Amino acid sequence: MHGIILKTLKDYIVEQYDTETWADVQAQAGREGEMYVAVTTYDEEVTVELLDAALDVTDTSMKAFMYDWGEWIIEPIIDIYGSAYVEPHWDGLDLLSQIEAIHTQLRQRRMGEMTPPVLRIDEIDDRTLKIVYGSQRQWCQWIPGLIEGVGDYYDEAYRYKEHTCMLEGDEQCTFSVQRVQNPEAAGQVGD
């Protein structure tokens, strides 16, 4: 797992809760005092253990935690990697459409052992994307938070819908994301 995930997990917990909560998470995961470097890779089990402990310590559901962390993580990720991977003229849909390419570049250039999720992003039209997610981790709950975080970062509003979900037995998760002009029309669309 890429170290940026662990570093932002720690930063998120400290900012949203406090340093004592992070210490409790590490203790419950059996990883007291460990430090995580953004540009290093770690065994996936480290992330899984810390995430499981975070859910338990904060008494938060996986869905709620992943959504909130996903929304929060966009700004720190762009702060760290923006100059190398994000073009200054991009808008939010551009960033979302390039996530797959950014993952590929990270795997090839920096972290050969990384196993980021399989993402396929298709542009449907100039306002709409289709995101296909597949991972043995099944952390698809992160996607809606990431979409909202990108919208917050670029001051754009999106309407999104999950059409298939691995947590419901589907082979992959698929989302449609559409930029909307009216912020009141933004958010998740029901079935």
N, C-alpha and C. Protein backbone atom coordinates (compact mmCIF):
# COMPACT_ATOMS: atom_id res chain seq x y z
N MET A 1 0.86 -1.17 0.00
CA MET A 1 0.00 0.00 0.00
C MET A 1 0.90 1.23 0.00
N HIS A 2 0.51 2.21 -0.76
CA HIS A 2 1.26 3.45 -0.86
C HIS A 2 1.22 4.19 0.48
N GLY A 3 2.36 4.69 0.92
CA GLY A 3 2.46 5.37 2.20
C GLY A 3 1.56 6.59 2.35
N ILE A 4 1.22 7.22 1.23
CA ILE A 4 0.35 8.39 1.32
C ILE A 4 -1.01 8.03 1.92
N ILE A 5 -1.45 6.81 1.68
CA ILE A 5 -2.73 6.37 2.25
C ILE A 5 -2.62 6.30 3.78
N LEU A 6 -1.53 5.72 4.27
CA LEU A 6 -1.34 5.63 5.72
C LEU A 6 -1.12 6.99 6.35
N LYS A 7 -0.33 7.82 5.70
CA LYS A 7 -0.07 9.16 6.23
C LYS A 7 -1.36 9.97 6.31
N THR A 8 -2.17 9.91 5.26
CA THR A 8 -3.41 10.68 5.30
C THR A 8 -4.43 10.07 6.25
N LEU A 9 -4.39 8.76 6.45
CA LEU A 9 -5.27 8.15 7.45
C LEU A 9 -4.94 8.72 8.83
N LYS A 10 -3.67 8.76 9.15
CA LYS A 10 -3.25 9.35 10.43
C LYS A 10 -3.67 10.81 10.52
N ASP A 11 -3.34 11.59 9.49
CA ASP A 11 -3.66 13.03 9.51
C ASP A 11 -5.16 13.27 9.62
N TYR A 12 -5.94 12.47 8.92
CA TYR A 12 -7.39 12.60 8.98
C TYR A 12 -7.91 12.34 10.39
N ILE A 13 -7.45 11.26 11.01
CA ILE A 13 -7.91 10.91 12.36
C ILE A 13 -7.49 11.97 13.36
N VAL A 14 -6.26 12.46 13.26
CA VAL A 14 -5.80 13.49 14.19
C VAL A 14 -6.61 14.77 14.01
N GLU A 15 -6.88 15.16 12.75
CA GLU A 15 -7.64 16.39 12.51
C GLU A 15 -9.10 16.26 12.91
N GLN A 16 -9.71 15.13 12.60
CA GLN A 16 -11.14 14.97 12.88
C GLN A 16 -11.43 14.58 14.33
N TYR A 17 -10.47 13.93 14.97
CA TYR A 17 -10.64 13.49 16.36
C TYR A 17 -9.55 14.16 17.20
N ASP A 18 -8.42 13.47 17.41
CA ASP A 18 -7.29 14.06 18.13
C ASP A 18 -6.13 13.05 18.11
N THR A 19 -4.99 13.47 18.64
CA THR A 19 -3.80 12.59 18.62
C THR A 19 -4.00 11.37 19.52
N GLU A 20 -4.78 11.51 20.58
CA GLU A 20 -5.03 10.37 21.45
C GLU A 20 -5.82 9.29 20.72
N THR A 21 -6.75 9.72 19.88
CA THR A 21 -7.52 8.75 19.10
C THR A 21 -6.61 7.99 18.16
N TRP A 22 -5.67 8.70 17.51
CA TRP A 22 -4.72 8.03 16.63
C TRP A 22 -3.88 7.03 17.42
N ALA A 23 -3.43 7.43 18.60
CA ALA A 23 -2.64 6.51 19.44
C ALA A 23 -3.46 5.28 19.81
N ASP A 24 -4.75 5.47 20.11
CA ASP A 24 -5.63 4.34 20.42
C ASP A 24 -5.79 3.42 19.20
N VAL A 25 -5.92 4.02 18.01
CA VAL A 25 -6.03 3.23 16.78
C VAL A 25 -4.77 2.39 16.59
N GLN A 26 -3.61 3.02 16.72
CA GLN A 26 -2.36 2.28 16.56
C GLN A 26 -2.24 1.17 17.61
N ALA A 27 -2.61 1.46 18.83
CA ALA A 27 -2.51 0.45 19.89
C ALA A 27 -3.42 -0.73 19.60
N GLN A 28 -4.66 -0.44 19.20
CA GLN A 28 -5.60 -1.53 18.92
C GLN A 28 -5.12 -2.37 17.74
N ALA A 29 -4.44 -1.73 16.78
CA ALA A 29 -3.93 -2.46 15.61
C ALA A 29 -2.59 -3.14 15.91
N GLY A 30 -2.04 -2.93 17.11
CA GLY A 30 -0.75 -3.51 17.45
C GLY A 30 0.40 -2.83 16.73
N ARG A 31 0.26 -1.53 16.46
CA ARG A 31 1.26 -0.78 15.70
C ARG A 31 1.63 0.53 16.41
N GLU A 32 1.76 0.45 17.72
CA GLU A 32 2.09 1.64 18.51
C GLU A 32 3.37 2.29 18.02
N GLY A 33 3.29 3.63 17.89
CA GLY A 33 4.47 4.42 17.59
C GLY A 33 5.00 4.36 16.16
N GLU A 34 4.39 3.55 15.31
CA GLU A 34 4.89 3.48 13.92
C GLU A 34 4.63 4.81 13.22
N MET A 35 5.56 5.16 12.33
CA MET A 35 5.42 6.38 11.52
C MET A 35 5.33 5.93 10.06
N TYR A 36 4.61 6.70 9.26
CA TYR A 36 4.39 6.33 7.86
C TYR A 36 4.83 7.46 6.95
N VAL A 37 5.62 7.10 5.95
CA VAL A 37 6.19 8.07 5.01
C VAL A 37 5.41 7.99 3.70
N ALA A 38 5.04 9.14 3.16
CA ALA A 38 4.18 9.20 1.98
C ALA A 38 4.77 8.50 0.77
N VAL A 39 6.06 8.51 0.61
CA VAL A 39 6.67 7.97 -0.62
C VAL A 39 7.27 6.57 -0.43
N THR A 40 6.74 5.84 0.52
CA THR A 40 7.19 4.48 0.81
C THR A 40 6.01 3.54 0.62
N THR A 41 6.29 2.27 0.34
CA THR A 41 5.20 1.29 0.29
C THR A 41 5.22 0.47 1.57
N TYR A 42 4.03 0.01 1.95
CA TYR A 42 3.84 -0.79 3.16
C TYR A 42 2.99 -2.00 2.81
N ASP A 43 3.12 -3.04 3.61
CA ASP A 43 2.27 -4.20 3.42
C ASP A 43 0.81 -3.77 3.57
N GLU A 44 -0.04 -4.33 2.74
CA GLU A 44 -1.45 -3.98 2.76
C GLU A 44 -2.08 -4.27 4.12
N GLU A 45 -1.59 -5.29 4.80
CA GLU A 45 -2.16 -5.64 6.11
C GLU A 45 -2.05 -4.49 7.11
N VAL A 46 -1.01 -3.64 6.98
CA VAL A 46 -0.87 -2.50 7.88
C VAL A 46 -2.08 -1.58 7.75
N THR A 47 -2.44 -1.27 6.51
CA THR A 47 -3.59 -0.40 6.27
C THR A 47 -4.88 -1.04 6.74
N VAL A 48 -5.06 -2.30 6.43
CA VAL A 48 -6.28 -3.00 6.83
C VAL A 48 -6.41 -3.02 8.35
N GLU A 49 -5.33 -3.33 9.05
CA GLU A 49 -5.37 -3.36 10.52
C GLU A 49 -5.68 -1.99 11.10
N LEU A 50 -5.04 -0.95 10.57
CA LEU A 50 -5.29 0.40 11.07
C LEU A 50 -6.70 0.86 10.75
N LEU A 51 -7.18 0.55 9.56
CA LEU A 51 -8.54 0.95 9.20
C LEU A 51 -9.57 0.23 10.07
N ASP A 52 -9.39 -1.07 10.26
CA ASP A 52 -10.31 -1.81 11.14
C ASP A 52 -10.31 -1.23 12.55
N ALA A 53 -9.11 -0.91 13.05
CA ALA A 53 -9.01 -0.32 14.39
C ALA A 53 -9.66 1.06 14.43
N ALA A 54 -9.49 1.85 13.38
CA ALA A 54 -10.09 3.19 13.33
C ALA A 54 -11.61 3.11 13.38
N LEU A 55 -12.17 2.15 12.66
CA LEU A 55 -13.63 1.99 12.68
C LEU A 55 -14.11 1.64 14.07
N ASP A 56 -13.37 0.76 14.75
CA ASP A 56 -13.73 0.32 16.09
C ASP A 56 -13.57 1.45 17.11
N VAL A 57 -12.40 2.11 17.09
CA VAL A 57 -12.11 3.16 18.07
C VAL A 57 -13.06 4.35 17.91
N THR A 58 -13.36 4.72 16.67
CA THR A 58 -14.23 5.88 16.43
C THR A 58 -15.71 5.50 16.41
N ASP A 59 -15.99 4.21 16.49
CA ASP A 59 -17.37 3.71 16.46
C ASP A 59 -18.11 4.25 15.23
N THR A 60 -17.45 4.09 14.07
CA THR A 60 -17.97 4.59 12.80
C THR A 60 -18.12 3.44 11.83
N SER A 61 -19.16 3.47 11.01
CA SER A 61 -19.33 2.44 9.99
C SER A 61 -18.29 2.62 8.89
N MET A 62 -17.98 1.55 8.20
CA MET A 62 -17.05 1.61 7.08
C MET A 62 -17.54 2.62 6.04
N LYS A 63 -18.82 2.58 5.73
CA LYS A 63 -19.36 3.47 4.71
C LYS A 63 -19.17 4.94 5.09
N ALA A 64 -19.53 5.30 6.31
CA ALA A 64 -19.41 6.70 6.76
C ALA A 64 -17.95 7.13 6.83
N PHE A 65 -17.09 6.26 7.40
CA PHE A 65 -15.69 6.60 7.55
C PHE A 65 -15.03 6.79 6.19
N MET A 66 -15.24 5.86 5.27
CA MET A 66 -14.60 5.94 3.96
C MET A 66 -15.10 7.16 3.18
N TYR A 67 -16.38 7.46 3.30
CA TYR A 67 -16.92 8.65 2.62
C TYR A 67 -16.23 9.91 3.16
N ASP A 68 -16.21 10.07 4.48
CA ASP A 68 -15.63 11.27 5.08
C ASP A 68 -14.13 11.39 4.80
N TRP A 69 -13.42 10.28 4.93
CA TRP A 69 -11.98 10.28 4.64
C TRP A 69 -11.75 10.57 3.16
N GLY A 70 -12.56 9.98 2.30
CA GLY A 70 -12.43 10.22 0.86
C GLY A 70 -12.65 11.68 0.50
N GLU A 71 -13.64 12.30 1.12
CA GLU A 71 -13.89 13.72 0.87
C GLU A 71 -12.73 14.57 1.38
N TRP A 72 -12.20 14.22 2.54
CA TRP A 72 -11.13 14.98 3.17
C TRP A 72 -9.79 14.84 2.44
N ILE A 73 -9.51 13.68 1.86
CA ILE A 73 -8.17 13.35 1.36
C ILE A 73 -7.75 14.12 0.10
N ILE A 74 -8.70 14.66 -0.64
CA ILE A 74 -8.37 15.28 -1.92
C ILE A 74 -7.36 16.41 -1.78
N GLU A 75 -7.60 17.34 -0.88
CA GLU A 75 -6.69 18.48 -0.75
C GLU A 75 -5.27 18.06 -0.38
N PRO A 76 -5.07 17.20 0.63
CA PRO A 76 -3.69 16.79 0.92
C PRO A 76 -3.02 16.03 -0.23
N ILE A 77 -3.79 15.22 -0.95
CA ILE A 77 -3.21 14.49 -2.08
C ILE A 77 -2.76 15.47 -3.17
N ILE A 78 -3.59 16.46 -3.46
CA ILE A 78 -3.22 17.44 -4.49
C ILE A 78 -2.04 18.28 -3.99
N ASP A 79 -2.01 18.60 -2.70
CA ASP A 79 -0.87 19.34 -2.16
C ASP A 79 0.44 18.58 -2.35
N ILE A 80 0.40 17.27 -2.16
CA ILE A 80 1.62 16.46 -2.26
C ILE A 80 1.97 16.15 -3.71
N TYR A 81 1.00 15.75 -4.51
CA TYR A 81 1.30 15.25 -5.86
C TYR A 81 0.87 16.19 -6.99
N GLY A 82 0.19 17.28 -6.64
CA GLY A 82 -0.38 18.14 -7.67
C GLY A 82 0.61 18.64 -8.69
N SER A 83 1.77 19.10 -8.25
CA SER A 83 2.72 19.67 -9.21
C SER A 83 3.25 18.63 -10.19
N ALA A 84 3.26 17.37 -9.80
CA ALA A 84 3.78 16.32 -10.68
C ALA A 84 2.70 15.66 -11.53
N TYR A 85 1.47 15.61 -11.03
CA TYR A 85 0.45 14.82 -11.71
C TYR A 85 -0.83 15.56 -12.09
N VAL A 86 -1.02 16.78 -11.58
CA VAL A 86 -2.25 17.51 -11.83
C VAL A 86 -1.92 18.78 -12.60
N GLU A 87 -2.54 18.94 -13.74
CA GLU A 87 -2.30 20.12 -14.58
C GLU A 87 -3.05 21.32 -14.00
N PRO A 88 -2.41 22.50 -14.02
CA PRO A 88 -3.05 23.69 -13.43
C PRO A 88 -4.36 24.09 -14.10
N HIS A 89 -4.54 23.76 -15.37
CA HIS A 89 -5.75 24.16 -16.09
C HIS A 89 -6.91 23.16 -15.93
N TRP A 90 -6.69 22.07 -15.21
CA TRP A 90 -7.73 21.07 -15.03
C TRP A 90 -8.87 21.60 -14.18
N ASP A 91 -10.05 21.02 -14.42
CA ASP A 91 -11.17 21.19 -13.51
C ASP A 91 -11.38 19.84 -12.82
N GLY A 92 -12.44 19.74 -12.04
CA GLY A 92 -12.67 18.51 -11.28
C GLY A 92 -12.90 17.28 -12.13
N LEU A 93 -13.66 17.42 -13.22
CA LEU A 93 -13.89 16.27 -14.10
C LEU A 93 -12.59 15.83 -14.76
N ASP A 94 -11.72 16.78 -15.08
CA ASP A 94 -10.42 16.42 -15.64
C ASP A 94 -9.64 15.57 -14.64
N LEU A 95 -9.61 16.00 -13.37
CA LEU A 95 -8.89 15.23 -12.36
C LEU A 95 -9.50 13.84 -12.21
N LEU A 96 -10.81 13.76 -12.08
CA LEU A 96 -11.45 12.45 -11.94
C LEU A 96 -11.14 11.57 -13.15
N SER A 97 -11.16 12.14 -14.35
CA SER A 97 -10.92 11.34 -15.55
C SER A 97 -9.48 10.86 -15.65
N GLN A 98 -8.56 11.51 -14.92
CA GLN A 98 -7.14 11.15 -15.00
C GLN A 98 -6.65 10.29 -13.84
N ILE A 99 -7.52 9.94 -12.91
CA ILE A 99 -7.09 9.16 -11.75
C ILE A 99 -6.44 7.84 -12.17
N GLU A 100 -7.01 7.18 -13.15
CA GLU A 100 -6.44 5.92 -13.62
C GLU A 100 -5.02 6.14 -14.15
N ALA A 101 -4.81 7.19 -14.94
CA ALA A 101 -3.48 7.49 -15.49
C ALA A 101 -2.49 7.84 -14.38
N ILE A 102 -2.95 8.56 -13.38
CA ILE A 102 -2.08 8.91 -12.25
C ILE A 102 -1.66 7.65 -11.50
N HIS A 103 -2.61 6.73 -11.26
CA HIS A 103 -2.26 5.45 -10.62
C HIS A 103 -1.20 4.72 -11.43
N THR A 104 -1.38 4.69 -12.73
CA THR A 104 -0.42 4.00 -13.60
C THR A 104 0.96 4.63 -13.49
N GLN A 105 1.02 5.95 -13.51
CA GLN A 105 2.31 6.63 -13.38
C GLN A 105 2.98 6.34 -12.04
N LEU A 106 2.20 6.34 -10.97
CA LEU A 106 2.77 6.03 -9.66
C LEU A 106 3.33 4.61 -9.62
N ARG A 107 2.58 3.68 -10.19
CA ARG A 107 3.07 2.29 -10.22
C ARG A 107 4.36 2.18 -11.00
N GLN A 108 4.44 2.83 -12.15
CA GLN A 108 5.59 2.69 -13.03
C GLN A 108 6.80 3.48 -12.55
N ARG A 109 6.59 4.66 -12.03
CA ARG A 109 7.70 5.55 -11.71
C ARG A 109 8.22 5.41 -10.30
N ARG A 110 7.34 5.19 -9.36
CA ARG A 110 7.76 5.33 -7.98
C ARG A 110 7.58 4.08 -7.15
N MET A 111 6.52 3.38 -7.35
CA MET A 111 6.17 2.31 -6.43
C MET A 111 5.81 1.05 -7.19
N GLY A 112 6.80 0.34 -7.66
CA GLY A 112 6.55 -0.84 -8.46
C GLY A 112 5.70 -1.89 -7.78
N GLU A 113 5.72 -1.95 -6.45
CA GLU A 113 4.96 -2.98 -5.73
C GLU A 113 3.53 -2.56 -5.41
N MET A 114 3.17 -1.33 -5.75
CA MET A 114 1.83 -0.84 -5.41
C MET A 114 0.75 -1.65 -6.08
N THR A 115 -0.36 -1.79 -5.39
CA THR A 115 -1.53 -2.45 -5.97
C THR A 115 -2.75 -1.56 -5.81
N PRO A 116 -2.74 -0.39 -6.46
CA PRO A 116 -3.93 0.45 -6.36
C PRO A 116 -5.11 -0.23 -7.03
N PRO A 117 -6.30 0.22 -6.75
CA PRO A 117 -7.47 -0.42 -7.35
C PRO A 117 -7.46 -0.30 -8.86
N VAL A 118 -8.16 -1.21 -9.49
CA VAL A 118 -8.35 -1.12 -10.94
C VAL A 118 -9.46 -0.11 -11.18
N LEU A 119 -9.13 0.91 -11.92
CA LEU A 119 -10.10 1.94 -12.25
C LEU A 119 -10.16 2.09 -13.77
N ARG A 120 -11.35 2.23 -14.25
CA ARG A 120 -11.53 2.60 -15.66
C ARG A 120 -12.48 3.78 -15.65
N ILE A 121 -12.06 4.84 -16.28
CA ILE A 121 -12.88 6.03 -16.32
C ILE A 121 -13.17 6.35 -17.79
N ASP A 122 -14.44 6.40 -18.11
CA ASP A 122 -14.87 6.70 -19.48
C ASP A 122 -15.61 8.03 -19.48
N GLU A 123 -15.27 8.86 -20.46
CA GLU A 123 -15.99 10.12 -20.62
C GLU A 123 -17.22 9.86 -21.46
N ILE A 124 -18.39 10.11 -20.89
CA ILE A 124 -19.65 9.91 -21.59
C ILE A 124 -19.96 11.13 -22.45
N ASP A 125 -19.81 12.31 -21.86
CA ASP A 125 -19.92 13.58 -22.59
C ASP A 125 -19.12 14.61 -21.81
N ASP A 126 -19.20 15.89 -22.18
CA ASP A 126 -18.35 16.89 -21.54
C ASP A 126 -18.73 17.20 -20.09
N ARG A 127 -19.82 16.62 -19.60
CA ARG A 127 -20.24 16.82 -18.21
C ARG A 127 -20.36 15.53 -17.42
N THR A 128 -20.14 14.37 -18.07
CA THR A 128 -20.46 13.10 -17.42
C THR A 128 -19.33 12.09 -17.60
N LEU A 129 -19.00 11.40 -16.50
CA LEU A 129 -18.03 10.31 -16.51
C LEU A 129 -18.67 9.04 -15.98
N LYS A 130 -18.13 7.93 -16.42
CA LYS A 130 -18.48 6.63 -15.85
C LYS A 130 -17.21 6.12 -15.17
N ILE A 131 -17.31 5.76 -13.91
CA ILE A 131 -16.17 5.23 -13.15
C ILE A 131 -16.45 3.76 -12.85
N VAL A 132 -15.53 2.90 -13.23
CA VAL A 132 -15.61 1.48 -12.93
C VAL A 132 -14.47 1.17 -11.96
N TYR A 133 -14.82 0.60 -10.81
CA TYR A 133 -13.86 0.31 -9.74
C TYR A 133 -13.86 -1.18 -9.46
N GLY A 134 -12.67 -1.72 -9.31
CA GLY A 134 -12.55 -3.11 -8.91
C GLY A 134 -11.33 -3.28 -8.02
N SER A 135 -11.49 -3.94 -6.89
CA SER A 135 -10.39 -4.18 -5.97
C SER A 135 -10.80 -5.27 -5.00
N GLN A 136 -9.85 -6.10 -4.64
CA GLN A 136 -10.15 -7.12 -3.63
C GLN A 136 -10.46 -6.46 -2.29
N ARG A 137 -10.01 -5.23 -2.08
CA ARG A 137 -10.30 -4.51 -0.84
C ARG A 137 -11.78 -4.14 -0.72
N GLN A 138 -12.41 -3.94 -1.85
CA GLN A 138 -13.83 -3.55 -1.91
C GLN A 138 -14.09 -2.28 -1.09
N TRP A 139 -13.25 -1.26 -1.32
CA TRP A 139 -13.40 0.01 -0.64
C TRP A 139 -14.16 1.01 -1.51
N CYS A 140 -15.18 0.52 -2.19
CA CYS A 140 -15.95 1.38 -3.10
C CYS A 140 -16.65 2.51 -2.37
N GLN A 141 -16.84 2.39 -1.06
CA GLN A 141 -17.49 3.46 -0.30
C GLN A 141 -16.67 4.75 -0.33
N TRP A 142 -15.42 4.62 -0.71
CA TRP A 142 -14.52 5.78 -0.80
C TRP A 142 -14.87 6.67 -1.99
N ILE A 143 -15.38 6.08 -3.07
CA ILE A 143 -15.60 6.81 -4.33
C ILE A 143 -16.54 8.01 -4.15
N PRO A 144 -17.72 7.87 -3.53
CA PRO A 144 -18.57 9.05 -3.36
C PRO A 144 -17.89 10.18 -2.58
N GLY A 145 -17.12 9.84 -1.55
CA GLY A 145 -16.39 10.87 -0.81
C GLY A 145 -15.35 11.56 -1.67
N LEU A 146 -14.63 10.76 -2.49
CA LEU A 146 -13.65 11.35 -3.39
C LEU A 146 -14.31 12.30 -4.38
N ILE A 147 -15.46 11.90 -4.91
CA ILE A 147 -16.19 12.76 -5.84
C ILE A 147 -16.56 14.08 -5.17
N GLU A 148 -17.09 14.00 -3.96
CA GLU A 148 -17.46 15.22 -3.22
C GLU A 148 -16.22 16.06 -2.90
N GLY A 149 -15.13 15.40 -2.54
CA GLY A 149 -13.89 16.13 -2.24
C GLY A 149 -13.34 16.86 -3.45
N VAL A 150 -13.40 16.23 -4.61
CA VAL A 150 -12.97 16.89 -5.84
C VAL A 150 -13.87 18.09 -6.11
N GLY A 151 -15.17 17.91 -5.94
CA GLY A 151 -16.10 19.02 -6.12
C GLY A 151 -15.80 20.17 -5.17
N ASP A 152 -15.53 19.86 -3.92
CA ASP A 152 -15.19 20.91 -2.94
C ASP A 152 -13.90 21.62 -3.35
N TYR A 153 -12.89 20.86 -3.75
CA TYR A 153 -11.59 21.44 -4.10
C TYR A 153 -11.72 22.39 -5.29
N TYR A 154 -12.49 22.00 -6.29
CA TYR A 154 -12.63 22.82 -7.49
C TYR A 154 -13.86 23.73 -7.46
N ASP A 155 -14.58 23.73 -6.35
CA ASP A 155 -15.80 24.52 -6.22
C ASP A 155 -16.78 24.18 -7.36
N GLU A 156 -16.99 22.89 -7.54
CA GLU A 156 -17.91 22.37 -8.56
C GLU A 156 -18.91 21.45 -7.87
N ALA A 157 -20.06 21.30 -8.47
CA ALA A 157 -21.09 20.42 -7.91
C ALA A 157 -21.28 19.23 -8.84
N TYR A 158 -21.44 18.04 -8.25
CA TYR A 158 -21.63 16.80 -9.02
C TYR A 158 -22.84 16.05 -8.51
N ARG A 159 -23.50 15.40 -9.43
CA ARG A 159 -24.54 14.43 -9.12
C ARG A 159 -23.93 13.07 -9.47
N TYR A 160 -24.07 12.10 -8.61
CA TYR A 160 -23.49 10.79 -8.88
C TYR A 160 -24.46 9.69 -8.48
N LYS A 161 -24.27 8.54 -9.10
CA LYS A 161 -25.10 7.38 -8.79
C LYS A 161 -24.25 6.13 -8.90
N GLU A 162 -24.42 5.22 -7.95
CA GLU A 162 -23.77 3.92 -8.02
C GLU A 162 -24.75 2.96 -8.67
N HIS A 163 -24.30 2.33 -9.77
CA HIS A 163 -25.17 1.44 -10.53
C HIS A 163 -24.96 -0.03 -10.16
N THR A 164 -23.71 -0.40 -9.89
CA THR A 164 -23.41 -1.76 -9.44
C THR A 164 -22.43 -1.65 -8.28
N CYS A 165 -22.42 -2.68 -7.41
CA CYS A 165 -21.55 -2.63 -6.23
C CYS A 165 -21.07 -4.04 -5.88
N MET A 166 -19.78 -4.17 -5.68
CA MET A 166 -19.20 -5.46 -5.28
C MET A 166 -19.73 -5.90 -3.92
N LEU A 167 -20.05 -4.96 -3.05
CA LEU A 167 -20.58 -5.31 -1.73
C LEU A 167 -21.97 -5.92 -1.81
N GLU A 168 -22.60 -5.78 -2.98
CA GLU A 168 -23.91 -6.38 -3.21
C GLU A 168 -23.82 -7.56 -4.17
N GLY A 169 -22.59 -8.07 -4.36
CA GLY A 169 -22.40 -9.26 -5.17
C GLY A 169 -22.02 -9.01 -6.62
N ASP A 170 -21.94 -7.76 -7.03
CA ASP A 170 -21.55 -7.47 -8.41
C ASP A 170 -20.05 -7.67 -8.57
N GLU A 171 -19.62 -7.89 -9.81
CA GLU A 171 -18.22 -8.12 -10.12
C GLU A 171 -17.37 -6.87 -9.92
N GLN A 172 -17.97 -5.71 -10.10
CA GLN A 172 -17.28 -4.44 -9.95
C GLN A 172 -18.29 -3.38 -9.55
N CYS A 173 -17.78 -2.22 -9.19
CA CYS A 173 -18.65 -1.10 -8.86
C CYS A 173 -18.63 -0.12 -10.02
N THR A 174 -19.77 0.38 -10.39
CA THR A 174 -19.83 1.39 -11.45
C THR A 174 -20.62 2.60 -10.93
N PHE A 175 -20.09 3.76 -11.25
CA PHE A 175 -20.68 5.02 -10.86
C PHE A 175 -20.81 5.90 -12.09
N SER A 176 -21.85 6.69 -12.14
CA SER A 176 -21.91 7.78 -13.11
C SER A 176 -21.76 9.07 -12.31
N VAL A 177 -21.02 10.02 -12.89
CA VAL A 177 -20.75 11.30 -12.24
C VAL A 177 -21.06 12.38 -13.25
N GLN A 178 -21.89 13.34 -12.86
CA GLN A 178 -22.25 14.41 -13.78
C GLN A 178 -22.07 15.76 -13.08
N ARG A 179 -21.37 16.66 -13.77
CA ARG A 179 -21.24 18.03 -13.24
C ARG A 179 -22.58 18.72 -13.43
N VAL A 180 -23.04 19.42 -12.40
CA VAL A 180 -24.31 20.13 -12.48
C VAL A 180 -24.07 21.61 -12.22
N GLN A 181 -24.90 22.43 -12.80
CA GLN A 181 -24.78 23.88 -12.61
C GLN A 181 -25.39 24.34 -11.31
N ASN A 182 -26.44 23.66 -10.88
CA ASN A 182 -27.16 24.04 -9.68
C ASN A 182 -26.65 23.21 -8.50
N PRO A 183 -25.92 23.79 -7.56
CA PRO A 183 -25.40 23.02 -6.42
C PRO A 183 -26.48 22.29 -5.63
N GLU A 184 -27.72 22.78 -5.66
CA GLU A 184 -28.80 22.10 -4.94
C GLU A 184 -29.16 20.77 -5.58
N ALA A 185 -28.75 20.57 -6.85
CA ALA A 185 -29.01 19.31 -7.54
C ALA A 185 -27.88 18.30 -7.35
N ALA A 186 -26.85 18.69 -6.60
CA ALA A 186 -25.69 17.84 -6.41
C ALA A 186 -25.95 16.75 -5.39
N GLY A 187 -25.03 15.78 -5.34
CA GLY A 187 -25.10 14.69 -4.36
C GLY A 187 -25.50 13.39 -4.99
N GLN A 188 -25.76 12.43 -4.15
CA GLN A 188 -26.10 11.09 -4.62
C GLN A 188 -27.54 11.07 -5.11
N VAL A 189 -27.71 10.41 -6.24
CA VAL A 189 -29.05 10.24 -6.82
C VAL A 189 -29.58 8.89 -6.36
N GLY A 190 -30.83 8.85 -5.95
CA GLY A 190 -31.45 7.59 -5.51
C GLY A 190 -31.68 6.64 -6.66
N ASP A 191 -32.18 5.48 -6.34
CA ASP A 191 -32.38 4.43 -7.36
C ASP A 191 -33.46 4.80 -8.34
